[in-house]
PDB file of N, CA and C in Angstrom:
ATOM      1  N   MET A   1       0.925  -1.324   0.206  1.00  0.00           N
ATOM      2  CA  MET A   1      -0.014   0.127   0.084  1.00  0.00           C
ATOM      3  C   MET A   1       1.113   1.098  -0.162  1.00  0.00           C
ATOM      4  N   ARG A   2       0.368   2.149  -0.954  1.00  0.00           N
ATOM      5  CA  ARG A   2       1.287   3.127  -0.977  1.00  0.00           C
ATOM      6  C   ARG A   2       0.733   4.436  -0.017  1.00  0.00           C
ATOM      7  N   PHE A   3       1.024   5.510   0.582  1.00  0.00           N
ATOM      8  CA  PHE A   3       0.602   6.386   1.420  1.00  0.00           C
ATOM      9  C   PHE A   3       1.253   7.715   0.862  1.00  0.00           C
ATOM     10  N   ARG A   4       0.066   8.700   1.496  1.00  0.00           N
ATOM     11  CA  ARG A   4       1.273  10.028   1.139  1.00  0.00           C
ATOM     12  C   ARG A   4       0.625  11.244   2.516  1.00  0.00           C
ATOM     13  N   LEU A   5       0.872  12.058   2.610  1.00  0.00           N
ATOM     14  CA  LEU A   5       0.902  13.030   3.548  1.00  0.00           C
ATOM     15  C   LEU A   5       0.115  14.434   2.790  1.00  0.00           C
ATOM     16  N   LEU A   6      -1.060  14.556   3.323  1.00  0.00           N
ATOM     17  CA  LEU A   6      -1.243  15.820   3.142  1.00  0.00           C
ATOM     18  C   LEU A   6      -1.087  16.903   4.290  1.00  0.00           C
ATOM     19  N   HIS A   7      -0.491  17.982   4.184  1.00  0.00           N
ATOM     20  CA  HIS A   7      -0.209  18.541   4.914  1.00  0.00           C
ATOM     21  C   HIS A   7      -0.902  19.830   5.195  1.00  0.00           C
ATOM     22  N   HIS A   8      -1.889  20.209   6.520  1.00  0.00           N
ATOM     23  CA  HIS A   8      -2.669  20.866   6.334  1.00  0.00           C
ATOM     24  C   HIS A   8      -2.255  22.091   7.997  1.00  0.00           C
ATOM     25  N   ALA A   9      -3.309  23.289   7.898  1.00  0.00           N
ATOM     26  CA  ALA A   9      -3.158  23.707   9.140  1.00  0.00           C
ATOM     27  C   ALA A   9      -1.814  24.539   9.472  1.00  0.00           C
ATOM     28  N   ARG A  10      -1.903  25.721   9.060  1.00  0.00           N
ATOM     29  CA  ARG A  10      -0.904  27.052   9.231  1.00  0.00           C
ATOM     30  C   ARG A  10       0.097  26.331   8.225  1.00  0.00           C
ATOM     31  N   ALA A  11      -0.359  25.890   7.085  1.00  0.00           N
ATOM     32  CA  ALA A  11       0.590  25.930   5.751  1.00  0.00           C
ATOM     33  C   ALA A  11       0.007  25.478   4.787  1.00  0.00           C
ATOM     34  N   PRO A  12       0.502  25.927   3.647  1.00  0.00           N
ATOM     35  CA  PRO A  12      -0.181  25.768   2.344  1.00  0.00           C
ATOM     36  C   PRO A  12      -0.571  24.053   2.395  1.00  0.00           C
ATOM     37  N   GLN A  13      -1.834  23.980   1.486  1.00  0.00           N
ATOM     38  CA  GLN A  13      -2.037  22.469   1.559  1.00  0.00           C
ATOM     39  C   GLN A  13      -0.916  22.014   0.424  1.00  0.00           C
ATOM     40  N   ASN A  14      -0.446  20.690   0.674  1.00  0.00           N
ATOM     41  CA  ASN A  14       0.834  20.287   0.249  1.00  0.00           C
ATOM     42  C   ASN A  14       0.414  18.526   0.506  1.00  0.00           C
ATOM     43  N   THR A  15       1.060  18.144  -0.823  1.00  0.00           N
ATOM     44  CA  THR A  15       1.086  16.430  -0.780  1.00  0.00           C
ATOM     45  C   THR A  15       2.467  15.778  -0.694  1.00  0.00           C
ATOM     46  N   PHE A  16       2.737  14.887  -0.209  1.00  0.00           N
ATOM     47  CA  PHE A  16       3.943  14.296  -0.060  1.00  0.00           C
ATOM     48  C   PHE A  16       3.943  12.669  -0.330  1.00  0.00           C
ATOM     49  N   GLN A  17       4.440  11.871  -1.167  1.00  0.00           N
ATOM     50  CA  GLN A  17       4.460  10.529  -0.801  1.00  0.00           C
ATOM     51  C   GLN A  17       5.360  10.218  -0.339  1.00  0.00           C
ATOM     52  N   PHE A  18       5.179   9.125   0.172  1.00  0.00           N
ATOM     53  CA  PHE A  18       6.287   8.248   1.126  1.00  0.00           C
ATOM     54  C   PHE A  18       7.381   7.690  -0.196  1.00  0.00           C
ATOM     55  N   THR A  19       7.942   8.479  -0.881  1.00  0.00           N
ATOM     56  CA  THR A  19       8.786   7.846  -2.093  1.00  0.00           C
ATOM     57  C   THR A  19       9.925   7.805  -1.512  1.00  0.00           C
ATOM     58  N   GLN A  20      10.644   8.375  -0.745  1.00  0.00           N
ATOM     59  CA  GLN A  20      12.146   8.703  -0.285  1.00  0.00           C
ATOM     60  C   GLN A  20      11.945   8.939   1.242  1.00  0.00           C
ATOM     61  N   LEU A  21      12.002   7.664   2.015  1.00  0.00           N
ATOM     62  CA  LEU A  21      12.231   7.666   3.710  1.00  0.00           C
ATOM     63  C   LEU A  21      13.502   7.099   4.006  1.00  0.00           C
ATOM     64  N   PRO A  22      14.105   7.596   4.773  1.00  0.00           N
ATOM     65  CA  PRO A  22      12.898   8.481   5.767  1.00  0.00           C
ATOM     66  C   PRO A  22      12.770   9.942   5.544  1.00  0.00           C
ATOM     67  N   LEU A  23      11.859  10.417   6.008  1.00  0.00           N
ATOM     68  CA  LEU A  23      11.258  12.130   5.894  1.00  0.00           C
ATOM     69  C   LEU A  23      11.480  12.623   7.135  1.00  0.00           C
ATOM     70  N   ILE A  24      11.937  13.577   7.268  1.00  0.00           N
ATOM     71  CA  ILE A  24      12.234  14.701   8.441  1.00  0.00           C
ATOM     72  C   ILE A  24      11.180  15.622   8.446  1.00  0.00           C
ATOM     73  N   LEU A  25      10.441  15.866   9.375  1.00  0.00           N
ATOM     74  CA  LEU A  25       9.378  16.632   9.262  1.00  0.00           C
ATOM     75  C   LEU A  25       9.968  17.774  10.638  1.00  0.00           C
ATOM     76  N   GLY A  26      10.075  19.221  10.390  1.00  0.00           N
ATOM     77  CA  GLY A  26      10.055  20.025  11.496  1.00  0.00           C
ATOM     78  C   GLY A  26      10.110  21.397  10.758  1.00  0.00           C
ATOM     79  N   ARG A  27      10.872  22.239  11.710  1.00  0.00           N
ATOM     80  CA  ARG A  27      10.684  23.605  11.414  1.00  0.00           C
ATOM     81  C   ARG A  27      11.491  23.912  10.448  1.00  0.00           C
ATOM     82  N   SER A  28      12.693  23.327  10.721  1.00  0.00           N
ATOM     83  CA  SER A  28      13.704  23.725   9.546  1.00  0.00           C
ATOM     84  C   SER A  28      13.832  23.838   8.439  1.00  0.00           C
ATOM     85  N   THR A  29      14.359  24.907   7.751  1.00  0.00           N
ATOM     86  CA  THR A  29      14.228  24.772   6.300  1.00  0.00           C
ATOM     87  C   THR A  29      14.949  23.852   5.477  1.00  0.00           C
ATOM     88  N   GLU A  30      15.519  23.077   6.158  1.00  0.00           N
ATOM     89  CA  GLU A  30      16.328  21.909   5.409  1.00  0.00           C
ATOM     90  C   GLU A  30      15.510  20.409   5.809  1.00  0.00           C
ATOM     91  N   ALA A  31      14.719  20.384   6.542  1.00  0.00           N
ATOM     92  CA  ALA A  31      13.208  19.345   6.738  1.00  0.00           C
ATOM     93  C   ALA A  31      13.106  18.882   5.529  1.00  0.00           C
ATOM     94  N   ASN A  32      12.586  17.998   5.342  1.00  0.00           N
ATOM     95  CA  ASN A  32      12.376  17.495   3.957  1.00  0.00           C
ATOM     96  C   ASN A  32      10.879  18.109   4.064  1.00  0.00           C
ATOM     97  N   ILE A  33       9.925  18.027   5.106  1.00  0.00           N
ATOM     98  CA  ILE A  33       8.476  18.593   4.942  1.00  0.00           C
ATOM     99  C   ILE A  33       8.796  19.641   6.292  1.00  0.00           C
ATOM    100  N   HIS A  34       8.837  20.909   5.580  1.00  0.00           N
ATOM    101  CA  HIS A  34       8.999  22.250   6.461  1.00  0.00           C
ATOM    102  C   HIS A  34       7.789  22.623   7.307  1.00  0.00           C
ATOM    103  N   ILE A  35       7.663  22.659   8.457  1.00  0.00           N
ATOM    104  CA  ILE A  35       6.340  22.856   9.324  1.00  0.00           C
ATOM    105  C   ILE A  35       6.997  24.392  10.053  1.00  0.00           C
ATOM    106  N   ASP A  36       6.117  25.069   9.189  1.00  0.00           N
ATOM    107  CA  ASP A  36       6.306  26.606   9.651  1.00  0.00           C
ATOM    108  C   ASP A  36       5.282  26.578  10.980  1.00  0.00           C
ATOM    109  N   ASP A  37       5.859  26.623  11.887  1.00  0.00           N
ATOM    110  CA  ASP A  37       5.052  26.475  13.478  1.00  0.00           C
ATOM    111  C   ASP A  37       5.785  27.049  14.433  1.00  0.00           C
ATOM    112  N   PRO A  38       5.989  27.884  15.560  1.00  0.00           N
ATOM    113  CA  PRO A  38       7.053  28.103  16.317  1.00  0.00           C
ATOM    114  C   PRO A  38       6.937  27.269  17.500  1.00  0.00           C
ATOM    115  N   TRP A  39       5.823  26.581  17.236  1.00  0.00           N
ATOM    116  CA  TRP A  39       5.830  25.097  18.302  1.00  0.00           C
ATOM    117  C   TRP A  39       6.401  23.573  18.085  1.00  0.00           C
ATOM    118  N   ALA A  40       6.857  23.682  16.659  1.00  0.00           N
ATOM    119  CA  ALA A  40       7.556  22.680  15.861  1.00  0.00           C
ATOM    120  C   ALA A  40       8.840  22.504  16.204  1.00  0.00           C
ATOM    121  N   SER A  41       9.614  21.591  16.665  1.00  0.00           N
ATOM    122  CA  SER A  41      11.012  21.707  16.618  1.00  0.00           C
ATOM    123  C   SER A  41      11.905  21.752  14.934  1.00  0.00           C
ATOM    124  N   ARG A  42      13.267  22.198  15.477  1.00  0.00           N
ATOM    125  CA  ARG A  42      13.859  22.155  13.992  1.00  0.00           C
ATOM    126  C   ARG A  42      13.660  20.796  12.834  1.00  0.00           C
ATOM    127  N   GLN A  43      14.174  19.660  14.204  1.00  0.00           N
ATOM    128  CA  GLN A  43      13.850  18.200  13.550  1.00  0.00           C
ATOM    129  C   GLN A  43      12.725  17.766  14.272  1.00  0.00           C
ATOM    130  N   HIS A  44      11.829  17.761  14.207  1.00  0.00           N
ATOM    131  CA  HIS A  44      10.475  17.439  15.044  1.00  0.00           C
ATOM    132  C   HIS A  44      10.485  16.036  15.144  1.00  0.00           C
ATOM    133  N   CYS A  45      10.005  15.621  14.056  1.00  0.00           N
ATOM    134  CA  CYS A  45       9.857  13.948  13.578  1.00  0.00           C
ATOM    135  C   CYS A  45      10.260  13.409  12.631  1.00  0.00           C
ATOM    136  N   GLU A  46      10.207  11.897  12.273  1.00  0.00           N
ATOM    137  CA  GLU A  46      10.658  11.372  11.273  1.00  0.00           C
ATOM    138  C   GLU A  46       9.651  10.429  10.610  1.00  0.00           C
ATOM    139  N   ILE A  47       9.479   9.899   9.266  1.00  0.00           N
ATOM    140  CA  ILE A  47       9.099   8.841   8.633  1.00  0.00           C
ATOM    141  C   ILE A  47       9.796   7.956   8.478  1.00  0.00           C
ATOM    142  N   PHE A  48       9.540   6.782   8.505  1.00  0.00           N
ATOM    143  CA  PHE A  48      10.729   5.757   8.099  1.00  0.00           C
ATOM    144  C   PHE A  48       9.779   4.374   7.897  1.00  0.00           C
ATOM    145  N   LEU A  49      10.414   3.681   7.100  1.00  0.00           N
ATOM    146  CA  LEU A  49       9.906   2.311   6.686  1.00  0.00           C
ATOM    147  C   LEU A  49      10.438   1.282   7.692  1.00  0.00           C
ATOM    148  N   ASP A  50       9.481   0.485   8.379  1.00  0.00           N
ATOM    149  CA  ASP A  50      10.094  -0.606   8.833  1.00  0.00           C
ATOM    150  C   ASP A  50       9.518  -2.095   8.170  1.00  0.00           C
ATOM    151  N   GLY A  51      10.304  -2.987   7.671  1.00  0.00           N
ATOM    152  CA  GLY A  51       9.755  -3.486   6.348  1.00  0.00           C
ATOM    153  C   GLY A  51       8.902  -2.931   5.666  1.00  0.00           C
ATOM    154  N   ASN A  52       7.254  -2.991   5.379  1.00  0.00           N
ATOM    155  CA  ASN A  52       6.664  -2.172   4.392  1.00  0.00           C
ATOM    156  C   ASN A  52       5.988  -1.217   5.063  1.00  0.00           C
ATOM    157  N   GLN A  53       6.063  -1.376   6.312  1.00  0.00           N
ATOM    158  CA  GLN A  53       5.266  -0.486   7.389  1.00  0.00           C
ATOM    159  C   GLN A  53       5.850   0.897   7.498  1.00  0.00           C
ATOM    160  N   PRO A  54       5.154   2.130   7.126  1.00  0.00           N
ATOM    161  CA  PRO A  54       5.590   3.404   7.482  1.00  0.00           C
ATOM    162  C   PRO A  54       5.375   3.376   9.027  1.00  0.00           C
ATOM    163  N   LYS A  55       6.656   4.337   9.429  1.00  0.00           N
ATOM    164  CA  LYS A  55       6.416   4.321  11.159  1.00  0.00           C
ATOM    165  C   LYS A  55       6.889   5.883  11.526  1.00  0.00           C
ATOM    166  N   LEU A  56       6.260   6.399  12.448  1.00  0.00           N
ATOM    167  CA  LEU A  56       6.834   7.848  13.081  1.00  0.00           C
ATOM    168  C   LEU A  56       7.598   7.485  13.710  1.00  0.00           C
ATOM    169  N   ARG A  57       8.495   8.675  14.351  1.00  0.00           N
ATOM    170  CA  ARG A  57       9.417   8.687  15.675  1.00  0.00           C
ATOM    171  C   ARG A  57       9.383   9.788  15.980  1.00  0.00           C
ATOM    172  N   ASP A  58       9.151  10.397  16.960  1.00  0.00           N
ATOM    173  CA  ASP A  58       9.321  11.509  17.686  1.00  0.00           C
ATOM    174  C   ASP A  58      11.055  11.779  18.068  1.00  0.00           C
ATOM    175  N   LEU A  59      11.628  13.149  17.253  1.00  0.00           N
ATOM    176  CA  LEU A  59      12.860  13.183  17.840  1.00  0.00           C
ATOM    177  C   LEU A  59      13.545  14.337  19.106  1.00  0.00           C
ATOM    178  N   ASP A  60      12.894  13.753  20.087  1.00  0.00           N
ATOM    179  CA  ASP A  60      12.713  14.457  21.300  1.00  0.00           C
ATOM    180  C   ASP A  60      12.429  15.883  21.236  1.00  0.00           C
ATOM    181  N   ALA A  61      11.383  15.992  20.513  1.00  0.00           N
ATOM    182  CA  ALA A  61      10.977  17.567  20.078  1.00  0.00           C
ATOM    183  C   ALA A  61      10.309  17.653  21.415  1.00  0.00           C
ATOM    184  N   LYS A  62      10.504  19.288  21.847  1.00  0.00           N
ATOM    185  CA  LYS A  62       9.882  19.594  23.386  1.00  0.00           C
ATOM    186  C   LYS A  62       8.708  19.962  23.441  1.00  0.00           C
ATOM    187  N   HIS A  63       8.111  19.870  22.394  1.00  0.00           N
ATOM    188  CA  HIS A  63       6.125  19.828  22.451  1.00  0.00           C
ATOM    189  C   HIS A  63       5.864  18.652  22.289  1.00  0.00           C
ATOM    190  N   GLY A  64       6.502  17.380  21.601  1.00  0.00           N
ATOM    191  CA  GLY A  64       6.038  16.199  21.572  1.00  0.00           C
ATOM    192  C   GLY A  64       5.541  16.503  20.318  1.00  0.00           C
ATOM    193  N   THR A  65       5.494  14.707  19.650  1.00  0.00           N
ATOM    194  CA  THR A  65       4.461  14.278  18.305  1.00  0.00           C
ATOM    195  C   THR A  65       3.311  13.789  18.772  1.00  0.00           C
ATOM    196  N   PHE A  66       2.154  14.141  18.213  1.00  0.00           N
ATOM    197  CA  PHE A  66       1.165  13.201  18.650  1.00  0.00           C
ATOM    198  C   PHE A  66       0.481  12.621  17.240  1.00  0.00           C
ATOM    199  N   VAL A  67      -0.335  11.808  17.416  1.00  0.00           N
ATOM    200  CA  VAL A  67      -0.934  10.855  16.100  1.00  0.00           C
ATOM    201  C   VAL A  67      -2.239  10.623  17.129  1.00  0.00           C
ATOM    202  N   ASN A  68      -3.024  11.277  16.387  1.00  0.00           N
ATOM    203  CA  ASN A  68      -4.631  10.591  16.375  1.00  0.00           C
ATOM    204  C   ASN A  68      -5.120  11.154  17.894  1.00  0.00           C
ATOM    205  N   GLY A  69      -4.225  12.029  17.960  1.00  0.00           N
ATOM    206  CA  GLY A  69      -4.259  12.657  19.716  1.00  0.00           C
ATOM    207  C   GLY A  69      -3.750  12.277  20.958  1.00  0.00           C
ATOM    208  N   GLN A  70      -3.128  11.309  20.781  1.00  0.00           N
ATOM    209  CA  GLN A  70      -2.055  10.562  21.801  1.00  0.00           C
ATOM    210  C   GLN A  70      -0.933  11.059  21.569  1.00  0.00           C
ATOM    211  N   ARG A  71       0.015  11.580  22.563  1.00  0.00           N
ATOM    212  CA  ARG A  71       1.506  11.539  22.248  1.00  0.00           C
ATOM    213  C   ARG A  71       2.187  10.230  22.362  1.00  0.00           C
ATOM    214  N   VAL A  72       3.362  10.025  20.987  1.00  0.00           N
ATOM    215  CA  VAL A  72       3.998   8.713  20.582  1.00  0.00           C
ATOM    216  C   VAL A  72       5.453   9.348  20.809  1.00  0.00           C
ATOM    217  N   THR A  73       6.143   8.338  20.916  1.00  0.00           N
ATOM    218  CA  THR A  73       7.560   8.410  20.492  1.00  0.00           C
ATOM    219  C   THR A  73       7.834   7.492  18.978  1.00  0.00           C
ATOM    220  N   VAL A  74       6.973   6.395  19.250  1.00  0.00           N
ATOM    221  CA  VAL A  74       7.372   5.693  17.679  1.00  0.00           C
ATOM    222  C   VAL A  74       6.164   5.226  17.739  1.00  0.00           C
ATOM    223  N   LYS A  75       5.473   4.980  16.492  1.00  0.00           N
ATOM    224  CA  LYS A  75       3.965   4.548  16.053  1.00  0.00           C
ATOM    225  C   LYS A  75       4.230   4.290  14.283  1.00  0.00           C
ATOM    226  N   SER A  76       3.265   3.044  14.390  1.00  0.00           N
ATOM    227  CA  SER A  76       2.872   2.421  13.090  1.00  0.00           C
ATOM    228  C   SER A  76       1.849   3.786  12.308  1.00  0.00           C
ATOM    229  N   LEU A  77       2.153   3.735  11.283  1.00  0.00           N
ATOM    230  CA  LEU A  77       0.839   4.925  10.720  1.00  0.00           C
ATOM    231  C   LEU A  77       0.300   3.925   9.837  1.00  0.00           C
ATOM    232  N   ASP A  78      -1.184   4.524   9.889  1.00  0.00           N
ATOM    233  CA  ASP A  78      -2.128   3.800   8.900  1.00  0.00           C
ATOM    234  C   ASP A  78      -2.692   4.851   8.089  1.00  0.00           C
ATOM    235  N   ALA A  79      -3.324   4.432   7.414  1.00  0.00           N
ATOM    236  CA  ALA A  79      -4.573   5.677   6.446  1.00  0.00           C
ATOM    237  C   ALA A  79      -5.241   5.849   7.318  1.00  0.00           C
ATOM    238  N   GLY A  80      -5.591   7.487   7.562  1.00  0.00           N
ATOM    239  CA  GLY A  80      -6.458   8.144   8.191  1.00  0.00           C
ATOM    240  C   GLY A  80      -6.041   8.460   9.710  1.00  0.00           C
ATOM    241  N   ASP A  81      -4.703   8.319   9.715  1.00  0.00           N
ATOM    242  CA  ASP A  81      -3.776   8.644  10.982  1.00  0.00           C
ATOM    243  C   ASP A  81      -3.583  10.157  10.531  1.00  0.00           C
ATOM    244  N   GLU A  82      -3.587  10.867  11.824  1.00  0.00           N
ATOM    245  CA  GLU A  82      -3.809  12.459  12.045  1.00  0.00           C
ATOM    246  C   GLU A  82      -2.184  12.645  12.439  1.00  0.00           C
ATOM    247  N   ILE A  83      -1.111  13.276  12.121  1.00  0.00           N
ATOM    248  CA  ILE A  83      -0.171  13.862  13.144  1.00  0.00           C
ATOM    249  C   ILE A  83      -0.355  14.810  13.285  1.00  0.00           C
ATOM    250  N   GLN A  84       0.244  15.386  14.576  1.00  0.00           N
ATOM    251  CA  GLN A  84      -0.161  16.678  15.067  1.00  0.00           C
ATOM    252  C   GLN A  84       1.171  17.181  15.266  1.00  0.00           C
ATOM    253  N   ILE A  85       2.018  18.327  15.164  1.00  0.00           N
ATOM    254  CA  ILE A  85       3.336  18.847  15.161  1.00  0.00           C
ATOM    255  C   ILE A  85       2.774  20.410  15.609  1.00  0.00           C
ATOM    256  N   GLY A  86       2.945  20.459  16.989  1.00  0.00           N
ATOM    257  CA  GLY A  86       2.875  22.140  16.985  1.00  0.00           C
ATOM    258  C   GLY A  86       1.228  22.157  16.960  1.00  0.00           C
ATOM    259  N   LEU A  87       0.828  23.322  16.206  1.00  0.00           N
ATOM    260  CA  LEU A  87      -0.390  23.347  16.080  1.00  0.00           C
ATOM    261  C   LEU A  87      -0.773  22.969  14.584  1.00  0.00           C
ATOM    262  N   ALA A  88       0.304  22.765  13.601  1.00  0.00           N
ATOM    263  CA  ALA A  88       0.219  21.983  12.530  1.00  0.00           C
ATOM    264  C   ALA A  88      -0.415  20.247  12.574  1.00  0.00           C
ATOM    265  N   LYS A  89      -1.418  20.117  11.338  1.00  0.00           N
ATOM    266  CA  LYS A  89      -1.456  18.974  11.409  1.00  0.00           C
ATOM    267  C   LYS A  89      -1.412  18.218   9.756  1.00  0.00           C
ATOM    268  N   VAL A  90      -1.245  16.853   9.792  1.00  0.00           N
ATOM    269  CA  VAL A  90      -0.878  16.103   8.492  1.00  0.00           C
ATOM    270  C   VAL A  90      -1.471  14.852   8.632  1.00  0.00           C
ATOM    271  N   LEU A  91      -1.908  14.811   7.518  1.00  0.00           N
ATOM    272  CA  LEU A  91      -2.990  13.367   7.325  1.00  0.00           C
ATOM    273  C   LEU A  91      -2.199  12.812   6.258  1.00  0.00           C
ATOM    274  N   VAL A  92      -2.146  11.342   7.165  1.00  0.00           N
ATOM    275  CA  VAL A  92      -1.739  10.316   6.434  1.00  0.00           C
ATOM    276  C   VAL A  92      -2.954   9.637   5.729  1.00  0.00           C
ATOM    277  N   GLU A  93      -2.898   9.177   4.061  1.00  0.00           N
ATOM    278  CA  GLU A  93      -3.664   8.963   3.169  1.00  0.00           C
ATOM    279  C   GLU A  93      -3.501   8.037   2.304  1.00  0.00           C
ATOM    280  N   SER A  94      -4.427   7.007   2.309  1.00  0.00           N
ATOM    281  CA  SER A  94      -3.451   5.870   1.209  1.00  0.00           C
ATOM    282  C   SER A  94      -3.790   6.216   0.050  1.00  0.00           C
ATOM    283  N   VAL A  95      -2.726   6.170  -0.946  1.00  0.00           N
ATOM    284  CA  VAL A  95      -3.332   6.771  -2.498  1.00  0.00           C
ATOM    285  C   VAL A  95      -4.202   6.133  -2.824  1.00  0.00           C
ATOM    286  N   GLU A  96      -4.144   4.540  -2.988  1.00  0.00           N
ATOM    287  CA  GLU A  96      -5.384   4.245  -3.766  1.00  0.00           C
ATOM    288  C   GLU A  96      -6.834   4.251  -3.119  1.00  0.00           C
ATOM    289  N   SER A  97      -7.158   4.421  -1.726  1.00  0.00           N
ATOM    290  CA  SER A  97      -8.160   5.222  -1.514  1.00  0.00           C
ATOM    291  C   SER A  97      -8.472   6.464  -2.353  1.00  0.00           C
ATOM    292  N   LEU A  98      -7.444   7.352  -2.212  1.00  0.00           N
ATOM    293  CA  LEU A  98      -7.528   8.659  -2.720  1.00  0.00           C
ATOM    294  C   LEU A  98      -7.599   8.160  -4.383  1.00  0.00           C
ATOM    295  N   GLU A  99      -7.364   7.604  -4.905  1.00  0.00           N
ATOM    296  CA  GLU A  99      -7.494   7.145  -6.162  1.00  0.00           C
ATOM    297  C   GLU A  99      -9.168   6.980  -6.334  1.00  0.00           C
ATOM    298  N   LYS A 100      -9.764   5.943  -5.612  1.00  0.00           N
ATOM    299  CA  LYS A 100     -10.728   5.204  -5.836  1.00  0.00           C
ATOM    300  C   LYS A 100     -11.676   6.840  -5.488  1.00  0.00           C
ATOM    301  N   ARG A 101     -11.762   7.417  -4.509  1.00  0.00           N
ATOM    302  CA  ARG A 101     -12.367   8.236  -4.404  1.00  0.00           C
ATOM    303  C   ARG A 101     -12.580   9.538  -5.601  1.00  0.00           C
ATOM    304  N   GLU A 102     -11.598  10.028  -6.420  1.00  0.00           N
ATOM    305  CA  GLU A 102     -11.496  10.923  -7.097  1.00  0.00           C
ATOM    306  C   GLU A 102     -12.205  10.096  -8.460  1.00  0.00           C
ATOM    307  N   GLN A 103     -12.026   8.539  -8.380  1.00  0.00           N
ATOM    308  CA  GLN A 103     -12.793   8.023  -9.774  1.00  0.00           C
ATOM    309  C   GLN A 103     -14.155   7.981  -9.653  1.00  0.00           C
ATOM    310  N   SER A 104     -14.799   8.094  -8.141  1.00  0.00           N
ATOM    311  CA  SER A 104     -16.205   8.075  -7.884  1.00  0.00           C
ATOM    312  C   SER A 104     -16.789   8.951  -7.971  1.00  0.00           C
ATOM    313  N   PHE A 105     -15.658  10.761  -7.959  1.00  0.00           N
ATOM    314  CA  PHE A 105     -16.329  11.779  -8.425  1.00  0.00           C
ATOM    315  C   PHE A 105     -16.376  12.567 -10.203  1.00  0.00           C
ATOM    316  N   ASP A 106     -15.564  11.246 -11.081  1.00  0.00           N
ATOM    317  CA  ASP A 106     -15.603  11.525 -12.325  1.00  0.00           C
ATOM    318  C   ASP A 106     -17.268  11.813 -12.905  1.00  0.00           C
ATOM    319  N   LEU A 107     -17.180  13.137 -13.464  1.00  0.00           N
ATOM    320  CA  LEU A 107     -18.282  12.876 -14.347  1.00  0.00           C
ATOM    321  C   LEU A 107     -18.496  13.102 -15.856  1.00  0.00           C
ATOM    322  N   THR A 108     -19.317  12.318 -16.306  1.00  0.00           N
ATOM    323  CA  THR A 108     -19.003  12.568 -17.818  1.00  0.00           C
ATOM    324  C   THR A 108     -20.585  13.624 -18.557  1.00  0.00           C
ATOM    325  N   VAL A 109     -20.114  14.390 -19.301  1.00  0.00           N
ATOM    326  CA  VAL A 109     -21.360  15.029 -19.564  1.00  0.00           C
ATOM    327  C   VAL A 109     -21.639  14.937 -21.005  1.00  0.00           C
TER     328      VAL A 109
END
C-alpha cells in the first residue's frame, strides 16, 4: 500500500508521497517537510519504513508529537491517521483510497 501525507493547518495544502524515506518533518528549512510553526522543533519527527510499514518516530521534540491525539515516541502509521506537530496537522492517506475516491467523483457530460 502506498501512502501520502496531506499537510494542512498553518501551511499551504501540500502532498508528499512516501517515495523517499526517511522523511524529516520540522521547523528547519532543511527538513524534508517544512512545518512553519513556532511550536515545532527544527527536526521534530521522522517517518521511516520498518519492512513495508511506515512508522513515525518523535525526535525528542520539546512539545512532543501526537498521532490521533495521543503523544507518541514511535508509532506505526495507517491511512486516516492524523499527525500533530505544534499546531500543524498532517493527514496520512492511502494513495489507493484517494484514487478510488477521485474516480467516484468523475462526471461524464
